[in-house]
Amino acid sequence: MELAIPLIYQKDAMGNKQFQEAENEFNQILISANNNQILSSIYENLAPLLDTALQSLRFTPLQLEKRAKDYSYLCEALQNGQTDLAVALILVTLTTLQNKVIDKFPDEVASASA
């Protein structure tokens, strides 16, 4: 993901594509690494929906750079056995995505929570 950031700043369409592909691969590896057959099965079935949802959201280059760094910090936390930090980083990532979805689809989110 970090390699795609300079291309994204240059407004090169390949940068966004590379970032998305790397993010999809990262998510798949993260889920698979748990060796949990049920979680992996759920992810495999929901991955196309997640990919489509992520493609519909727009992030600034700075936001993508921050996401890439957060993913890097997550890897470091997992390698160092810092479970609490890893969970916190995952929650930050999910909260950011949730806020983007709410911003993009406010009416749908409001009606779903009613």
N, C-alpha and C. Protein backbone atom coordinates (compact mmCIF):
# COMPACT_ATOMS: atom_id res chain seq x y z
N MET A 1 0.82 -1.18 0.00
CA MET A 1 0.00 0.00 0.00
C MET A 1 0.87 1.25 0.00
N GLU A 2 1.92 1.21 0.79
CA GLU A 2 2.79 2.38 0.88
C GLU A 2 3.43 2.72 -0.46
N LEU A 3 3.69 1.72 -1.29
CA LEU A 3 4.28 1.98 -2.60
C LEU A 3 3.33 2.70 -3.54
N ALA A 4 2.04 2.56 -3.29
CA ALA A 4 1.04 3.21 -4.15
C ALA A 4 0.84 4.68 -3.80
N ILE A 5 1.24 5.10 -2.62
CA ILE A 5 0.97 6.46 -2.14
C ILE A 5 1.56 7.54 -3.06
N PRO A 6 2.83 7.43 -3.48
CA PRO A 6 3.35 8.47 -4.38
C PRO A 6 2.54 8.59 -5.68
N LEU A 7 2.09 7.46 -6.21
CA LEU A 7 1.27 7.50 -7.43
C LEU A 7 -0.07 8.18 -7.16
N ILE A 8 -0.63 7.94 -5.99
CA ILE A 8 -1.90 8.56 -5.64
C ILE A 8 -1.74 10.07 -5.54
N TYR A 9 -0.65 10.53 -4.94
CA TYR A 9 -0.40 11.97 -4.85
C TYR A 9 -0.21 12.59 -6.24
N GLN A 10 0.29 11.78 -7.19
CA GLN A 10 0.47 12.26 -8.56
C GLN A 10 -0.81 12.13 -9.38
N LYS A 11 -1.88 11.70 -8.72
CA LYS A 11 -3.19 11.50 -9.36
C LYS A 11 -3.13 10.46 -10.49
N ASP A 12 -2.27 9.47 -10.31
CA ASP A 12 -2.16 8.36 -11.24
C ASP A 12 -3.19 7.31 -10.85
N ALA A 13 -4.09 6.97 -11.76
CA ALA A 13 -5.16 6.00 -11.47
C ALA A 13 -4.61 4.65 -11.03
N MET A 14 -3.43 4.30 -11.50
CA MET A 14 -2.84 3.02 -11.09
C MET A 14 -2.53 3.00 -9.60
N GLY A 15 -2.26 4.15 -9.02
CA GLY A 15 -1.97 4.21 -7.59
C GLY A 15 -3.16 3.76 -6.77
N ASN A 16 -4.35 4.26 -7.10
CA ASN A 16 -5.56 3.84 -6.38
C ASN A 16 -5.83 2.36 -6.57
N LYS A 17 -5.62 1.89 -7.79
CA LYS A 17 -5.86 0.46 -8.07
C LYS A 17 -4.88 -0.40 -7.28
N GLN A 18 -3.61 -0.01 -7.27
CA GLN A 18 -2.60 -0.76 -6.52
C GLN A 18 -2.91 -0.75 -5.03
N PHE A 19 -3.34 0.40 -4.52
CA PHE A 19 -3.67 0.49 -3.09
C PHE A 19 -4.81 -0.45 -2.77
N GLN A 20 -5.87 -0.42 -3.60
CA GLN A 20 -7.03 -1.28 -3.35
C GLN A 20 -6.66 -2.75 -3.40
N GLU A 21 -5.88 -3.13 -4.38
CA GLU A 21 -5.47 -4.53 -4.49
C GLU A 21 -4.64 -4.96 -3.28
N ALA A 22 -3.73 -4.09 -2.86
CA ALA A 22 -2.90 -4.41 -1.69
C ALA A 22 -3.74 -4.48 -0.42
N GLU A 23 -4.71 -3.57 -0.31
CA GLU A 23 -5.58 -3.58 0.87
C GLU A 23 -6.44 -4.84 0.90
N ASN A 24 -6.97 -5.23 -0.24
CA ASN A 24 -7.76 -6.46 -0.32
C ASN A 24 -6.91 -7.67 0.07
N GLU A 25 -5.70 -7.72 -0.42
CA GLU A 25 -4.80 -8.83 -0.10
C GLU A 25 -4.45 -8.81 1.40
N PHE A 26 -4.20 -7.63 1.94
CA PHE A 26 -3.89 -7.50 3.36
C PHE A 26 -5.04 -8.03 4.21
N ASN A 27 -6.26 -7.61 3.88
CA ASN A 27 -7.42 -8.07 4.65
C ASN A 27 -7.57 -9.59 4.57
N GLN A 28 -7.35 -10.14 3.39
CA GLN A 28 -7.48 -11.59 3.21
C GLN A 28 -6.42 -12.33 4.03
N ILE A 29 -5.20 -11.83 4.01
CA ILE A 29 -4.11 -12.46 4.77
C ILE A 29 -4.38 -12.35 6.27
N LEU A 30 -4.85 -11.19 6.70
CA LEU A 30 -5.14 -10.97 8.12
C LEU A 30 -6.19 -11.95 8.62
N ILE A 31 -7.24 -12.15 7.85
CA ILE A 31 -8.30 -13.09 8.23
C ILE A 31 -7.77 -14.52 8.20
N SER A 32 -7.07 -14.87 7.13
CA SER A 32 -6.56 -16.24 6.98
C SER A 32 -5.56 -16.60 8.08
N ALA A 33 -4.80 -15.63 8.54
CA ALA A 33 -3.77 -15.89 9.55
C ALA A 33 -4.36 -16.36 10.88
N ASN A 34 -5.65 -16.12 11.08
CA ASN A 34 -6.28 -16.55 12.32
C ASN A 34 -6.53 -18.06 12.36
N ASN A 35 -6.43 -18.71 11.22
CA ASN A 35 -6.68 -20.15 11.13
C ASN A 35 -8.04 -20.52 11.72
N ASN A 36 -9.02 -19.66 11.47
CA ASN A 36 -10.37 -19.90 11.95
C ASN A 36 -11.24 -20.16 10.73
N GLN A 37 -11.64 -21.39 10.55
CA GLN A 37 -12.38 -21.80 9.36
C GLN A 37 -13.69 -21.03 9.20
N ILE A 38 -14.37 -20.77 10.29
CA ILE A 38 -15.66 -20.07 10.22
C ILE A 38 -15.43 -18.62 9.81
N LEU A 39 -14.48 -17.94 10.46
CA LEU A 39 -14.17 -16.56 10.12
C LEU A 39 -13.71 -16.45 8.67
N SER A 40 -12.87 -17.38 8.24
CA SER A 40 -12.39 -17.37 6.85
C SER A 40 -13.53 -17.56 5.86
N SER A 41 -14.45 -18.45 6.18
CA SER A 41 -15.60 -18.69 5.31
C SER A 41 -16.49 -17.46 5.22
N ILE A 42 -16.74 -16.83 6.36
CA ILE A 42 -17.55 -15.61 6.37
C ILE A 42 -16.87 -14.54 5.52
N TYR A 43 -15.57 -14.39 5.71
CA TYR A 43 -14.83 -13.37 4.96
C TYR A 43 -14.89 -13.65 3.46
N GLU A 44 -14.67 -14.89 3.08
CA GLU A 44 -14.69 -15.24 1.65
C GLU A 44 -16.03 -14.90 1.01
N ASN A 45 -17.11 -15.10 1.75
CA ASN A 45 -18.44 -14.80 1.22
C ASN A 45 -18.73 -13.30 1.20
N LEU A 46 -18.16 -12.56 2.15
CA LEU A 46 -18.42 -11.13 2.22
C LEU A 46 -17.36 -10.27 1.52
N ALA A 47 -16.24 -10.86 1.14
CA ALA A 47 -15.15 -10.10 0.53
C ALA A 47 -15.59 -9.30 -0.70
N PRO A 48 -16.37 -9.89 -1.62
CA PRO A 48 -16.79 -9.08 -2.78
C PRO A 48 -17.60 -7.85 -2.38
N LEU A 49 -18.46 -8.00 -1.37
CA LEU A 49 -19.25 -6.88 -0.89
C LEU A 49 -18.34 -5.82 -0.24
N LEU A 50 -17.38 -6.26 0.55
CA LEU A 50 -16.43 -5.35 1.18
C LEU A 50 -15.62 -4.61 0.12
N ASP A 51 -15.14 -5.32 -0.88
CA ASP A 51 -14.36 -4.70 -1.95
C ASP A 51 -15.18 -3.64 -2.68
N THR A 52 -16.41 -3.95 -2.98
CA THR A 52 -17.30 -3.01 -3.67
C THR A 52 -17.55 -1.79 -2.79
N ALA A 53 -17.79 -2.02 -1.52
CA ALA A 53 -18.05 -0.91 -0.59
C ALA A 53 -16.82 0.00 -0.48
N LEU A 54 -15.65 -0.59 -0.37
CA LEU A 54 -14.43 0.21 -0.26
C LEU A 54 -14.18 1.01 -1.54
N GLN A 55 -14.52 0.42 -2.69
CA GLN A 55 -14.33 1.13 -3.96
C GLN A 55 -15.27 2.33 -4.08
N SER A 56 -16.42 2.27 -3.43
CA SER A 56 -17.38 3.36 -3.53
C SER A 56 -17.02 4.54 -2.62
N LEU A 57 -16.15 4.31 -1.65
CA LEU A 57 -15.75 5.38 -0.73
C LEU A 57 -14.57 6.14 -1.32
N ARG A 58 -14.54 7.42 -1.09
CA ARG A 58 -13.45 8.26 -1.58
C ARG A 58 -12.59 8.73 -0.41
N PHE A 59 -11.31 8.54 -0.55
CA PHE A 59 -10.35 8.96 0.46
C PHE A 59 -9.37 9.93 -0.18
N THR A 60 -8.93 10.91 0.60
CA THR A 60 -7.90 11.82 0.12
C THR A 60 -6.57 11.07 0.14
N PRO A 61 -5.59 11.56 -0.61
CA PRO A 61 -4.27 10.93 -0.55
C PRO A 61 -3.72 10.88 0.88
N LEU A 62 -3.95 11.93 1.64
CA LEU A 62 -3.47 11.95 3.03
C LEU A 62 -4.16 10.88 3.88
N GLN A 63 -5.46 10.69 3.66
CA GLN A 63 -6.19 9.65 4.39
C GLN A 63 -5.68 8.26 4.01
N LEU A 64 -5.38 8.04 2.74
CA LEU A 64 -4.85 6.74 2.31
C LEU A 64 -3.46 6.52 2.88
N GLU A 65 -2.67 7.56 2.93
CA GLU A 65 -1.33 7.44 3.52
C GLU A 65 -1.44 7.05 4.99
N LYS A 66 -2.38 7.68 5.71
CA LYS A 66 -2.59 7.34 7.12
C LYS A 66 -3.05 5.89 7.26
N ARG A 67 -3.96 5.44 6.38
CA ARG A 67 -4.42 4.05 6.44
C ARG A 67 -3.27 3.09 6.22
N ALA A 68 -2.41 3.40 5.26
CA ALA A 68 -1.25 2.53 4.98
C ALA A 68 -0.35 2.45 6.21
N LYS A 69 -0.13 3.59 6.87
CA LYS A 69 0.70 3.60 8.09
C LYS A 69 0.03 2.81 9.21
N ASP A 70 -1.29 2.99 9.35
CA ASP A 70 -2.00 2.23 10.38
C ASP A 70 -1.89 0.73 10.15
N TYR A 71 -1.99 0.30 8.89
CA TYR A 71 -1.84 -1.12 8.58
C TYR A 71 -0.42 -1.58 8.90
N SER A 72 0.56 -0.74 8.63
CA SER A 72 1.95 -1.08 8.96
C SER A 72 2.13 -1.21 10.47
N TYR A 73 1.54 -0.27 11.22
CA TYR A 73 1.60 -0.34 12.69
C TYR A 73 0.89 -1.60 13.19
N LEU A 74 -0.19 -1.97 12.54
CA LEU A 74 -0.92 -3.17 12.92
C LEU A 74 -0.04 -4.40 12.75
N CYS A 75 0.66 -4.48 11.63
CA CYS A 75 1.57 -5.61 11.40
C CYS A 75 2.66 -5.67 12.48
N GLU A 76 3.22 -4.52 12.79
CA GLU A 76 4.25 -4.46 13.83
C GLU A 76 3.69 -4.91 15.18
N ALA A 77 2.50 -4.46 15.51
CA ALA A 77 1.88 -4.84 16.78
C ALA A 77 1.66 -6.35 16.83
N LEU A 78 1.18 -6.91 15.74
CA LEU A 78 0.95 -8.36 15.71
C LEU A 78 2.26 -9.13 15.81
N GLN A 79 3.29 -8.66 15.13
CA GLN A 79 4.60 -9.32 15.19
C GLN A 79 5.20 -9.27 16.59
N ASN A 80 4.93 -8.17 17.29
CA ASN A 80 5.49 -7.99 18.63
C ASN A 80 4.59 -8.52 19.74
N GLY A 81 3.48 -9.16 19.36
CA GLY A 81 2.57 -9.72 20.35
C GLY A 81 1.80 -8.68 21.14
N GLN A 82 1.65 -7.49 20.59
CA GLN A 82 0.94 -6.41 21.27
C GLN A 82 -0.54 -6.45 20.87
N THR A 83 -1.23 -7.41 21.46
CA THR A 83 -2.62 -7.66 21.09
C THR A 83 -3.51 -6.45 21.34
N ASP A 84 -3.34 -5.79 22.47
CA ASP A 84 -4.18 -4.62 22.79
C ASP A 84 -4.00 -3.52 21.75
N LEU A 85 -2.76 -3.26 21.36
CA LEU A 85 -2.50 -2.24 20.34
C LEU A 85 -3.10 -2.66 19.00
N ALA A 86 -2.97 -3.93 18.65
CA ALA A 86 -3.53 -4.43 17.39
C ALA A 86 -5.04 -4.24 17.37
N VAL A 87 -5.71 -4.58 18.45
CA VAL A 87 -7.16 -4.41 18.53
C VAL A 87 -7.53 -2.94 18.40
N ALA A 88 -6.78 -2.07 19.07
CA ALA A 88 -7.06 -0.63 19.00
C ALA A 88 -6.90 -0.12 17.56
N LEU A 89 -5.87 -0.57 16.87
CA LEU A 89 -5.65 -0.15 15.48
C LEU A 89 -6.76 -0.65 14.56
N ILE A 90 -7.22 -1.86 14.80
CA ILE A 90 -8.32 -2.39 14.00
C ILE A 90 -9.58 -1.58 14.26
N LEU A 91 -9.83 -1.24 15.50
CA LEU A 91 -11.01 -0.42 15.83
C LEU A 91 -10.94 0.96 15.20
N VAL A 92 -9.76 1.56 15.16
CA VAL A 92 -9.58 2.86 14.50
C VAL A 92 -9.91 2.73 13.02
N THR A 93 -9.40 1.68 12.39
CA THR A 93 -9.65 1.46 10.97
C THR A 93 -11.13 1.25 10.70
N LEU A 94 -11.77 0.42 11.50
CA LEU A 94 -13.20 0.15 11.30
C LEU A 94 -14.06 1.38 11.57
N THR A 95 -13.68 2.16 12.57
CA THR A 95 -14.43 3.39 12.87
C THR A 95 -14.30 4.39 11.73
N THR A 96 -13.11 4.50 11.18
CA THR A 96 -12.91 5.40 10.03
C THR A 96 -13.77 4.97 8.85
N LEU A 97 -13.79 3.66 8.58
CA LEU A 97 -14.63 3.15 7.48
C LEU A 97 -16.11 3.38 7.78
N GLN A 98 -16.51 3.15 9.02
CA GLN A 98 -17.90 3.36 9.40
C GLN A 98 -18.30 4.82 9.18
N ASN A 99 -17.44 5.75 9.58
CA ASN A 99 -17.74 7.17 9.41
C ASN A 99 -17.84 7.54 7.93
N LYS A 100 -16.98 6.95 7.11
CA LYS A 100 -17.04 7.20 5.66
C LYS A 100 -18.36 6.70 5.08
N VAL A 101 -18.79 5.52 5.52
CA VAL A 101 -20.05 4.96 5.04
C VAL A 101 -21.21 5.84 5.48
N ILE A 102 -21.21 6.29 6.72
CA ILE A 102 -22.27 7.15 7.22
C ILE A 102 -22.31 8.47 6.45
N ASP A 103 -21.13 9.02 6.16
CA ASP A 103 -21.06 10.26 5.38
C ASP A 103 -21.59 10.07 3.97
N LYS A 104 -21.31 8.93 3.37
CA LYS A 104 -21.71 8.69 1.98
C LYS A 104 -23.18 8.29 1.88
N PHE A 105 -23.68 7.53 2.84
CA PHE A 105 -25.05 7.01 2.79
C PHE A 105 -25.83 7.37 4.05
N PRO A 106 -25.97 8.65 4.38
CA PRO A 106 -26.61 9.03 5.65
C PRO A 106 -28.08 8.57 5.75
N ASP A 107 -28.81 8.66 4.65
CA ASP A 107 -30.23 8.26 4.70
C ASP A 107 -30.39 6.76 4.92
N GLU A 108 -29.57 5.98 4.23
CA GLU A 108 -29.65 4.52 4.36
C GLU A 108 -29.26 4.08 5.76
N VAL A 109 -28.24 4.71 6.32
CA VAL A 109 -27.79 4.35 7.66
C VAL A 109 -28.85 4.72 8.70
N ALA A 110 -29.45 5.89 8.53
CA ALA A 110 -30.49 6.33 9.46
C ALA A 110 -31.69 5.40 9.42
N SER A 111 -32.12 5.01 8.24
CA SER A 111 -33.28 4.12 8.14
C SER A 111 -32.96 2.72 8.63
N ALA A 112 -31.73 2.27 8.49
CA ALA A 112 -31.34 0.93 8.97
C ALA A 112 -31.28 0.88 10.49
N SER A 113 -30.94 1.99 11.10
CA SER A 113 -30.82 1.99 12.56
C SER A 113 -32.14 2.33 13.25
N ALA A 114 -33.16 2.69 12.47
CA ALA A 114 -34.47 3.05 13.06
C ALA A 114 -35.29 1.84 13.39
